[in-house]
Amino acid sequence: MKFGLEETAVYFSYTHLIGRCADLPTQQKSIARSVSRFQNQPTENQMELTRETIWSAIRIEPKKTAVLVVDLQNAEVSEEVQLKYPDYVDRIKRLVVPNVRRLLDAARSNGVEVIYTTIESLTQDGRDRSVLHKLVNLHVPKGSWGAKVLTEIAPVGDEIVLPKTGSGVFNTTVLEYVLRNIGIEAVIVVGVLTDQCIDMALRDGADRGFLMICASDACTSYTESRHENALRAQYRPVKIATTTDLVLELTGKATSTNP
C-alpha cells in the first residue's frame, strides 16, 4: 500500500508524540494514546489514520478549551453585503448565529474561555492595515459600527476581543500568546468565512500545537459550495463536528466511542 506525503506527515507527527508523552499537556497526551495502538497493527494498516481515528480517544477539557468567534460583526451583515450576498447573510442570521449562541451558552456555563476576533483597523484611516487588506480595499475603522460583534452573540463581561487586519488570526494578533497564558489547549472555531479566516485559524492553530475544532454548522461562506469544499479539504488532525455534538461534549453528555 502506498501513502502520500500528507498521510506520512500525519502518522509520524502524531506517533512522535508518544515518545515524549510524559511532557505533554493532558489533552495532547490523549492524542498520543489515540494513535499508539497503530504501532502494533500490521504494516498495511499503520497509515490508515482518518479524522475519526485521530480523535477517537481525545476528550476536550472545558477549562482548557476556548471558543474562538471569528468576524461575526456588523460589517458582515451590512446593507452592502446583503445586496451582494443575500443568501450568505441569511445563513448567518438563520443558522450561524443561533448555533454560535448555543455553543457560547454551553461554553460559559462550563468554564470555557470565549474569545472574539473582528476585522478592525487600529486607526481611523486604516494606515495600519495589512498589504492584503489594502490591496482589496478592506477597511473597518477603529470603533466603527461595522467593527462591533453582532448584538445577538456579543461579548459578556471581560471576554477578550482581538482586532485584526489580515486573514490569519494567529498571524496578525496576539492570540497564541493569550491562549498560552490562559492555559488553553483546544480551540473551537466558529464564524466566517469557512474557506478563508476560519480555514487559516484551524490550520495555523494546528501547526502551533493546539487541538483545533471546527463547528461545521456555526460557520459559513459566501456560497454553500465554498463552505462545504473548505470542510472537505480541511487538514485531518482538525476535528469537524456539529454544534449539537460539541455542546454535548462540553457539558459532559457526549457518548464515548472509545474502543
C-alpha atoms as a PDB file:
ATOM      1  CA  MET A   1       0.000   0.000   0.000  1.00  0.00           C
ATOM      2  CA  LYS A   2       1.373   3.425  -0.937  1.00  0.00           C
ATOM      3  CA  PHE A   3       0.821   6.606   1.052  1.00  0.00           C
ATOM      4  CA  GLY A   4       1.156  10.245   0.093  1.00  0.00           C
ATOM      5  CA  LEU A   5       3.144  12.918   1.851  1.00  0.00           C
ATOM      6  CA  GLU A   6       0.164  14.037   3.935  1.00  0.00           C
ATOM      7  CA  GLU A   7      -0.506  10.542   5.278  1.00  0.00           C
ATOM      8  CA  THR A   8       3.161  10.089   6.152  1.00  0.00           C
ATOM      9  CA  ALA A   9       3.360  13.502   7.839  1.00  0.00           C
ATOM     10  CA  VAL A  10       0.212  12.895   9.883  1.00  0.00           C
ATOM     11  CA  TYR A  11       1.344   9.480  11.058  1.00  0.00           C
ATOM     12  CA  PHE A  12       4.859  10.457  12.090  1.00  0.00           C
ATOM     13  CA  SER A  13       3.769  13.786  13.598  1.00  0.00           C
ATOM     14  CA  TYR A  14       1.365  12.083  15.942  1.00  0.00           C
ATOM     15  CA  THR A  15       3.316   8.911  16.706  1.00  0.00           C
ATOM     16  CA  HIS A  16       6.284  11.118  17.557  1.00  0.00           C
ATOM     17  CA  LEU A  17       4.216  12.470  20.450  1.00  0.00           C
ATOM     18  CA  ILE A  18       4.151   9.063  22.077  1.00  0.00           C
ATOM     19  CA  GLY A  19       7.845   9.087  22.857  1.00  0.00           C
ATOM     20  CA  ARG A  20       7.552  12.298  24.863  1.00  0.00           C
ATOM     21  CA  CYS A  21       4.049  11.808  26.219  1.00  0.00           C
ATOM     22  CA  ALA A  22       5.050  12.488  29.835  1.00  0.00           C
ATOM     23  CA  ASP A  23       5.941  16.070  28.926  1.00  0.00           C
ATOM     24  CA  LEU A  24       2.690  16.858  27.154  1.00  0.00           C
ATOM     25  CA  PRO A  25      -0.405  18.678  28.443  1.00  0.00           C
ATOM     26  CA  THR A  26      -3.327  16.387  29.293  1.00  0.00           C
ATOM     27  CA  GLN A  27      -5.254  16.731  26.042  1.00  0.00           C
ATOM     28  CA  GLN A  28      -2.156  16.275  23.881  1.00  0.00           C
ATOM     29  CA  LYS A  29      -1.360  13.084  25.771  1.00  0.00           C
ATOM     30  CA  SER A  30      -4.717  11.760  24.598  1.00  0.00           C
ATOM     31  CA  ILE A  31      -3.635  12.409  21.004  1.00  0.00           C
ATOM     32  CA  ALA A  32      -0.600  10.228  21.550  1.00  0.00           C
ATOM     33  CA  ARG A  33      -2.702   7.482  23.094  1.00  0.00           C
ATOM     34  CA  SER A  34      -5.241   7.690  20.262  1.00  0.00           C
ATOM     35  CA  VAL A  35      -2.633   6.647  17.694  1.00  0.00           C
ATOM     36  CA  SER A  36      -0.352   4.451  19.793  1.00  0.00           C
ATOM     37  CA  ARG A  37      -2.410   1.371  19.013  1.00  0.00           C
ATOM     38  CA  PHE A  38      -1.470   1.730  15.334  1.00  0.00           C
ATOM     39  CA  GLN A  39       2.158   0.946  16.120  1.00  0.00           C
ATOM     40  CA  ASN A  40       1.264  -2.652  16.939  1.00  0.00           C
ATOM     41  CA  GLN A  41      -1.009  -3.133  13.946  1.00  0.00           C
ATOM     42  CA  PRO A  42       0.029  -4.863  10.711  1.00  0.00           C
ATOM     43  CA  THR A  43       2.116  -2.643   8.463  1.00  0.00           C
ATOM     44  CA  GLU A  44      -0.621  -2.270   5.857  1.00  0.00           C
ATOM     45  CA  ASN A  45      -2.905  -0.684   8.483  1.00  0.00           C
ATOM     46  CA  GLN A  46      -0.433   1.626  10.142  1.00  0.00           C
ATOM     47  CA  MET A  47      -1.115   4.619   7.940  1.00  0.00           C
ATOM     48  CA  GLU A  48      -4.917   4.406   7.857  1.00  0.00           C
ATOM     49  CA  LEU A  49      -5.423   7.452  10.039  1.00  0.00           C
ATOM     50  CA  THR A  50      -8.732   9.184   9.422  1.00  0.00           C
ATOM     51  CA  ARG A  51     -10.090  12.242  11.174  1.00  0.00           C
ATOM     52  CA  GLU A  52     -12.285   9.912  13.221  1.00  0.00           C
ATOM     53  CA  THR A  53      -9.450   7.612  14.352  1.00  0.00           C
ATOM     54  CA  ILE A  54      -7.241  10.546  15.291  1.00  0.00           C
ATOM     55  CA  TRP A  55      -9.966  11.995  17.525  1.00  0.00           C
ATOM     56  CA  SER A  56     -11.474   8.726  18.790  1.00  0.00           C
ATOM     57  CA  ALA A  57      -9.636   8.838  22.131  1.00  0.00           C
ATOM     58  CA  ILE A  58      -9.470  12.599  22.617  1.00  0.00           C
ATOM     59  CA  ARG A  59     -11.824  14.262  25.089  1.00  0.00           C
ATOM     60  CA  ILE A  60     -11.545  18.022  25.380  1.00  0.00           C
ATOM     61  CA  GLU A  61     -11.427  19.521  28.848  1.00  0.00           C
ATOM     62  CA  PRO A  62     -13.694  22.585  29.148  1.00  0.00           C
ATOM     63  CA  LYS A  63     -11.353  24.546  31.399  1.00  0.00           C
ATOM     64  CA  LYS A  64      -8.515  24.085  28.903  1.00  0.00           C
ATOM     65  CA  THR A  65     -10.693  24.928  25.915  1.00  0.00           C
ATOM     66  CA  ALA A  66     -11.616  28.189  24.196  1.00  0.00           C
ATOM     67  CA  VAL A  67     -14.313  29.107  21.711  1.00  0.00           C
ATOM     68  CA  LEU A  68     -12.946  31.490  19.078  1.00  0.00           C
ATOM     69  CA  VAL A  69     -15.611  33.587  17.338  1.00  0.00           C
ATOM     70  CA  VAL A  70     -14.261  34.885  14.033  1.00  0.00           C
ATOM     71  CA  ASP A  71     -15.529  38.015  12.221  1.00  0.00           C
ATOM     72  CA  LEU A  72     -19.189  37.753  13.214  1.00  0.00           C
ATOM     73  CA  GLN A  73     -19.612  41.504  13.175  1.00  0.00           C
ATOM     74  CA  ASN A  74     -21.935  44.145  11.791  1.00  0.00           C
ATOM     75  CA  ALA A  75     -19.804  44.642   8.685  1.00  0.00           C
ATOM     76  CA  GLU A  76     -20.695  41.110   7.566  1.00  0.00           C
ATOM     77  CA  VAL A  77     -24.440  41.803   7.531  1.00  0.00           C
ATOM     78  CA  SER A  78     -24.334  45.373   6.241  1.00  0.00           C
ATOM     79  CA  GLU A  79     -26.663  46.614   3.520  1.00  0.00           C
ATOM     80  CA  GLU A  80     -23.824  46.400   1.003  1.00  0.00           C
ATOM     81  CA  VAL A  81     -23.107  42.745   1.797  1.00  0.00           C
ATOM     82  CA  GLN A  82     -26.820  41.960   1.930  1.00  0.00           C
ATOM     83  CA  LEU A  83     -27.260  43.227  -1.639  1.00  0.00           C
ATOM     84  CA  LYS A  84     -24.243  41.331  -2.946  1.00  0.00           C
ATOM     85  CA  TYR A  85     -24.615  38.066  -0.992  1.00  0.00           C
ATOM     86  CA  PRO A  86     -28.210  37.784   0.264  1.00  0.00           C
ATOM     87  CA  ASP A  87     -28.025  34.006   0.834  1.00  0.00           C
ATOM     88  CA  TYR A  88     -24.819  34.414   2.833  1.00  0.00           C
ATOM     89  CA  VAL A  89     -26.360  36.986   5.161  1.00  0.00           C
ATOM     90  CA  ASP A  90     -29.431  34.795   5.500  1.00  0.00           C
ATOM     91  CA  ARG A  91     -27.300  31.824   6.586  1.00  0.00           C
ATOM     92  CA  ILE A  92     -25.507  33.968   9.143  1.00  0.00           C
ATOM     93  CA  LYS A  93     -28.769  35.101  10.692  1.00  0.00           C
ATOM     94  CA  ARG A  94     -30.747  31.881  10.333  1.00  0.00           C
ATOM     95  CA  LEU A  95     -28.101  29.219  11.004  1.00  0.00           C
ATOM     96  CA  VAL A  96     -24.747  30.507  12.203  1.00  0.00           C
ATOM     97  CA  VAL A  97     -25.809  32.995  14.892  1.00  0.00           C
ATOM     98  CA  PRO A  98     -28.293  30.627  16.614  1.00  0.00           C
ATOM     99  CA  ASN A  99     -25.713  27.828  16.672  1.00  0.00           C
ATOM    100  CA  VAL A 100     -22.961  30.113  17.935  1.00  0.00           C
ATOM    101  CA  ARG A 101     -25.298  31.331  20.674  1.00  0.00           C
ATOM    102  CA  ARG A 102     -25.998  27.740  21.747  1.00  0.00           C
ATOM    103  CA  LEU A 103     -22.297  26.963  21.827  1.00  0.00           C
ATOM    104  CA  LEU A 104     -21.494  30.127  23.786  1.00  0.00           C
ATOM    105  CA  ASP A 105     -24.175  29.323  26.353  1.00  0.00           C
ATOM    106  CA  ALA A 106     -22.667  25.877  26.889  1.00  0.00           C
ATOM    107  CA  ALA A 107     -19.142  27.307  26.957  1.00  0.00           C
ATOM    108  CA  ARG A 108     -19.876  29.982  29.531  1.00  0.00           C
ATOM    109  CA  SER A 109     -21.746  27.523  31.725  1.00  0.00           C
ATOM    110  CA  ASN A 110     -18.828  25.083  31.779  1.00  0.00           C
ATOM    111  CA  GLY A 111     -15.764  27.241  32.277  1.00  0.00           C
ATOM    112  CA  VAL A 112     -14.760  27.513  28.613  1.00  0.00           C
ATOM    113  CA  GLU A 113     -12.927  30.689  27.616  1.00  0.00           C
ATOM    114  CA  VAL A 114     -14.698  32.783  24.952  1.00  0.00           C
ATOM    115  CA  ILE A 115     -12.542  34.915  22.663  1.00  0.00           C
ATOM    116  CA  TYR A 116     -13.570  37.062  19.706  1.00  0.00           C
ATOM    117  CA  THR A 117     -11.662  38.432  16.764  1.00  0.00           C
ATOM    118  CA  THR A 118     -13.024  41.024  14.359  1.00  0.00           C
ATOM    119  CA  ILE A 119     -11.789  42.830  11.286  1.00  0.00           C
ATOM    120  CA  GLU A 120     -10.975  46.276  12.644  1.00  0.00           C
ATOM    121  CA  SER A 121      -8.180  48.706  11.927  1.00  0.00           C
ATOM    122  CA  LEU A 122      -6.216  50.186  14.798  1.00  0.00           C
ATOM    123  CA  THR A 123      -6.674  53.602  13.199  1.00  0.00           C
ATOM    124  CA  GLN A 124      -9.432  55.636  11.591  1.00  0.00           C
ATOM    125  CA  ASP A 125      -7.728  55.849   8.206  1.00  0.00           C
ATOM    126  CA  GLY A 126      -6.528  52.236   8.144  1.00  0.00           C
ATOM    127  CA  ARG A 127      -2.871  53.019   7.674  1.00  0.00           C
ATOM    128  CA  ASP A 128      -2.014  50.072   9.939  1.00  0.00           C
ATOM    129  CA  ARG A 129      -3.790  47.549   7.723  1.00  0.00           C
ATOM    130  CA  SER A 130      -2.003  44.618   6.129  1.00  0.00           C
ATOM    131  CA  VAL A 131      -0.986  44.865   2.490  1.00  0.00           C
ATOM    132  CA  LEU A 132      -3.595  42.180   1.847  1.00  0.00           C
ATOM    133  CA  HIS A 133      -6.431  44.359   3.141  1.00  0.00           C
ATOM    134  CA  LYS A 134      -5.085  47.447   1.398  1.00  0.00           C
ATOM    135  CA  LEU A 135      -4.973  45.632  -1.939  1.00  0.00           C
ATOM    136  CA  VAL A 136      -8.632  44.598  -1.687  1.00  0.00           C
ATOM    137  CA  ASN A 137      -9.669  47.909  -0.104  1.00  0.00           C
ATOM    138  CA  LEU A 138     -10.927  46.233   3.054  1.00  0.00           C
ATOM    139  CA  HIS A 139     -11.128  48.726   5.896  1.00  0.00           C
ATOM    140  CA  VAL A 140     -13.274  48.707   9.021  1.00  0.00           C
ATOM    141  CA  PRO A 141     -12.350  51.845  11.005  1.00  0.00           C
ATOM    142  CA  LYS A 142     -11.469  51.621  14.676  1.00  0.00           C
ATOM    143  CA  GLY A 143     -14.538  51.872  16.906  1.00  0.00           C
ATOM    144  CA  SER A 144     -16.995  51.884  13.985  1.00  0.00           C
ATOM    145  CA  TRP A 145     -20.404  50.217  13.837  1.00  0.00           C
ATOM    146  CA  GLY A 146     -19.062  47.654  11.377  1.00  0.00           C
ATOM    147  CA  ALA A 147     -16.371  46.530  13.823  1.00  0.00           C
ATOM    148  CA  LYS A 148     -18.828  45.631  16.579  1.00  0.00           C
ATOM    149  CA  VAL A 149     -19.696  41.990  17.255  1.00  0.00           C
ATOM    150  CA  LEU A 150     -23.268  41.098  16.327  1.00  0.00           C
ATOM    151  CA  THR A 151     -25.575  42.002  19.215  1.00  0.00           C
ATOM    152  CA  GLU A 152     -27.087  38.512  19.490  1.00  0.00           C
ATOM    153  CA  ILE A 153     -23.709  36.979  20.330  1.00  0.00           C
ATOM    154  CA  ALA A 154     -21.944  39.979  21.875  1.00  0.00           C
ATOM    155  CA  PRO A 155     -19.113  39.530  24.384  1.00  0.00           C
ATOM    156  CA  VAL A 156     -20.071  39.219  28.035  1.00  0.00           C
ATOM    157  CA  GLY A 157     -18.113  40.806  30.874  1.00  0.00           C
ATOM    158  CA  ASP A 158     -14.385  40.943  30.174  1.00  0.00           C
ATOM    159  CA  GLU A 159     -14.320  38.437  27.312  1.00  0.00           C
ATOM    160  CA  ILE A 160     -11.415  39.204  25.025  1.00  0.00           C
ATOM    161  CA  VAL A 161     -11.870  40.845  21.601  1.00  0.00           C
ATOM    162  CA  LEU A 162      -8.822  40.932  19.318  1.00  0.00           C
ATOM    163  CA  PRO A 163      -8.926  43.264  16.277  1.00  0.00           C
ATOM    164  CA  LYS A 164      -7.171  42.058  13.143  1.00  0.00           C
ATOM    165  CA  THR A 165      -6.396  43.417   9.686  1.00  0.00           C
ATOM    166  CA  GLY A 166      -5.480  40.182   7.949  1.00  0.00           C
ATOM    167  CA  SER A 167      -6.970  36.759   7.287  1.00  0.00           C
ATOM    168  CA  GLY A 168      -4.971  34.742   9.801  1.00  0.00           C
ATOM    169  CA  VAL A 169      -5.821  35.493  13.432  1.00  0.00           C
ATOM    170  CA  PHE A 170      -2.715  33.660  14.655  1.00  0.00           C
ATOM    171  CA  ASN A 171      -0.505  35.656  12.297  1.00  0.00           C
ATOM    172  CA  THR A 172      -1.992  39.105  12.874  1.00  0.00           C
ATOM    173  CA  THR A 173      -2.905  39.177  16.588  1.00  0.00           C
ATOM    174  CA  VAL A 174      -1.506  38.095  19.962  1.00  0.00           C
ATOM    175  CA  LEU A 175      -3.970  35.182  20.095  1.00  0.00           C
ATOM    176  CA  GLU A 176      -1.328  32.482  20.574  1.00  0.00           C
ATOM    177  CA  TYR A 177       0.287  34.455  23.405  1.00  0.00           C
ATOM    178  CA  VAL A 178      -3.097  34.882  25.108  1.00  0.00           C
ATOM    179  CA  LEU A 179      -4.104  31.231  24.708  1.00  0.00           C
ATOM    180  CA  ARG A 180      -0.856  30.000  26.221  1.00  0.00           C
ATOM    181  CA  ASN A 181      -1.085  32.463  29.107  1.00  0.00           C
ATOM    182  CA  ILE A 182      -4.576  31.193  29.946  1.00  0.00           C
ATOM    183  CA  GLY A 183      -3.536  27.548  29.597  1.00  0.00           C
ATOM    184  CA  ILE A 184      -5.694  26.736  26.588  1.00  0.00           C
ATOM    185  CA  GLU A 185      -5.010  23.507  24.703  1.00  0.00           C
ATOM    186  CA  ALA A 186      -8.107  23.118  22.483  1.00  0.00           C
ATOM    187  CA  VAL A 187      -9.821  25.774  20.360  1.00  0.00           C
ATOM    188  CA  ILE A 188     -13.318  25.530  18.874  1.00  0.00           C
ATOM    189  CA  VAL A 189     -13.622  27.879  15.897  1.00  0.00           C
ATOM    190  CA  VAL A 190     -16.853  29.433  14.621  1.00  0.00           C
ATOM    191  CA  GLY A 191     -17.702  32.332  12.315  1.00  0.00           C
ATOM    192  CA  VAL A 192     -16.873  33.444   8.770  1.00  0.00           C
ATOM    193  CA  LEU A 193     -15.567  32.763   6.171  1.00  0.00           C
ATOM    194  CA  THR A 194     -15.142  28.992   6.274  1.00  0.00           C
ATOM    195  CA  ASP A 195     -12.724  28.967   3.343  1.00  0.00           C
ATOM    196  CA  GLN A 196     -10.704  31.980   4.426  1.00  0.00           C
ATOM    197  CA  CYS A 197     -10.304  33.179   8.025  1.00  0.00           C
ATOM    198  CA  ILE A 198     -11.777  30.009   9.558  1.00  0.00           C
ATOM    199  CA  ASP A 199      -9.566  27.770   7.441  1.00  0.00           C
ATOM    200  CA  MET A 200      -6.458  29.757   8.328  1.00  0.00           C
ATOM    201  CA  ALA A 201      -7.267  29.750  12.041  1.00  0.00           C
ATOM    202  CA  LEU A 202      -7.710  25.974  12.062  1.00  0.00           C
ATOM    203  CA  ARG A 203      -4.550  25.184  10.109  1.00  0.00           C
ATOM    204  CA  ASP A 204      -2.360  27.771  11.820  1.00  0.00           C
ATOM    205  CA  GLY A 205      -3.582  26.698  15.260  1.00  0.00           C
ATOM    206  CA  ALA A 206      -2.849  23.056  14.490  1.00  0.00           C
ATOM    207  CA  ASP A 207       0.653  24.000  13.316  1.00  0.00           C
ATOM    208  CA  ARG A 208       1.214  25.730  16.658  1.00  0.00           C
ATOM    209  CA  GLY A 209       0.269  22.657  18.665  1.00  0.00           C
ATOM    210  CA  PHE A 210      -3.323  23.404  19.610  1.00  0.00           C
ATOM    211  CA  LEU A 211      -6.164  20.919  19.251  1.00  0.00           C
ATOM    212  CA  MET A 212      -8.304  22.646  16.646  1.00  0.00           C
ATOM    213  CA  ILE A 213     -12.018  22.016  16.196  1.00  0.00           C
ATOM    214  CA  CYS A 214     -14.446  23.435  13.628  1.00  0.00           C
ATOM    215  CA  ALA A 215     -18.127  23.724  14.477  1.00  0.00           C
ATOM    216  CA  SER A 216     -19.322  22.946  10.956  1.00  0.00           C
ATOM    217  CA  ASP A 217     -22.822  24.408  11.274  1.00  0.00           C
ATOM    218  CA  ALA A 218     -21.641  27.500  13.145  1.00  0.00           C
ATOM    219  CA  CYS A 219     -19.625  28.881  10.245  1.00  0.00           C
ATOM    220  CA  THR A 220     -20.357  29.685   6.608  1.00  0.00           C
ATOM    221  CA  SER A 221     -19.018  31.307   3.455  1.00  0.00           C
ATOM    222  CA  TYR A 222     -20.376  33.361   0.562  1.00  0.00           C
ATOM    223  CA  THR A 223     -21.754  30.192  -1.039  1.00  0.00           C
ATOM    224  CA  GLU A 224     -22.684  26.828   0.438  1.00  0.00           C
ATOM    225  CA  SER A 225     -20.367  25.055  -2.013  1.00  0.00           C
ATOM    226  CA  ARG A 226     -17.383  27.120  -0.821  1.00  0.00           C
ATOM    227  CA  HIS A 227     -18.258  26.246   2.770  1.00  0.00           C
ATOM    228  CA  GLU A 228     -18.610  22.533   2.048  1.00  0.00           C
ATOM    229  CA  ASN A 229     -15.461  22.358  -0.080  1.00  0.00           C
ATOM    230  CA  ALA A 230     -13.424  24.000   2.669  1.00  0.00           C
ATOM    231  CA  LEU A 231     -14.631  21.464   5.227  1.00  0.00           C
ATOM    232  CA  ARG A 232     -13.852  18.556   2.905  1.00  0.00           C
ATOM    233  CA  ALA A 233     -10.350  19.878   2.257  1.00  0.00           C
ATOM    234  CA  GLN A 234      -9.546  20.587   5.899  1.00  0.00           C
ATOM    235  CA  TYR A 235      -6.424  19.010   7.396  1.00  0.00           C
ATOM    236  CA  ARG A 236      -7.328  15.688   9.024  1.00  0.00           C
ATOM    237  CA  PRO A 237      -5.967  16.424  12.523  1.00  0.00           C
ATOM    238  CA  VAL A 238      -8.624  19.176  12.710  1.00  0.00           C
ATOM    239  CA  LYS A 239     -11.848  17.910  14.236  1.00  0.00           C
ATOM    240  CA  ILE A 240     -15.082  18.784  12.424  1.00  0.00           C
ATOM    241  CA  ALA A 241     -18.254  18.454  14.488  1.00  0.00           C
ATOM    242  CA  THR A 242     -21.755  19.843  14.733  1.00  0.00           C
ATOM    243  CA  THR A 243     -22.791  22.363  17.346  1.00  0.00           C
ATOM    244  CA  THR A 244     -25.011  19.758  18.999  1.00  0.00           C
ATOM    245  CA  ASP A 245     -22.136  17.292  19.370  1.00  0.00           C
ATOM    246  CA  LEU A 246     -19.828  19.962  20.773  1.00  0.00           C
ATOM    247  CA  VAL A 247     -22.434  21.161  23.273  1.00  0.00           C
ATOM    248  CA  LEU A 248     -22.867  17.584  24.463  1.00  0.00           C
ATOM    249  CA  GLU A 249     -19.111  17.205  24.813  1.00  0.00           C
ATOM    250  CA  LEU A 250     -18.667  20.461  26.709  1.00  0.00           C
ATOM    251  CA  THR A 251     -21.494  19.595  29.082  1.00  0.00           C
ATOM    252  CA  GLY A 252     -20.200  16.080  29.679  1.00  0.00           C
ATOM    253  CA  LYS A 253     -23.134  14.381  27.978  1.00  0.00           C
ATOM    254  CA  ALA A 254     -21.359  13.010  24.928  1.00  0.00           C
ATOM    255  CA  THR A 255     -21.458   9.254  24.413  1.00  0.00           C
ATOM    256  CA  SER A 256     -17.995   7.721  24.452  1.00  0.00           C
ATOM    257  CA  THR A 257     -16.967   5.919  21.272  1.00  0.00           C
ATOM    258  CA  ASN A 258     -13.640   4.649  22.574  1.00  0.00           C
ATOM    259  CA  PRO A 259     -12.782   1.051  21.684  1.00  0.00           C
END
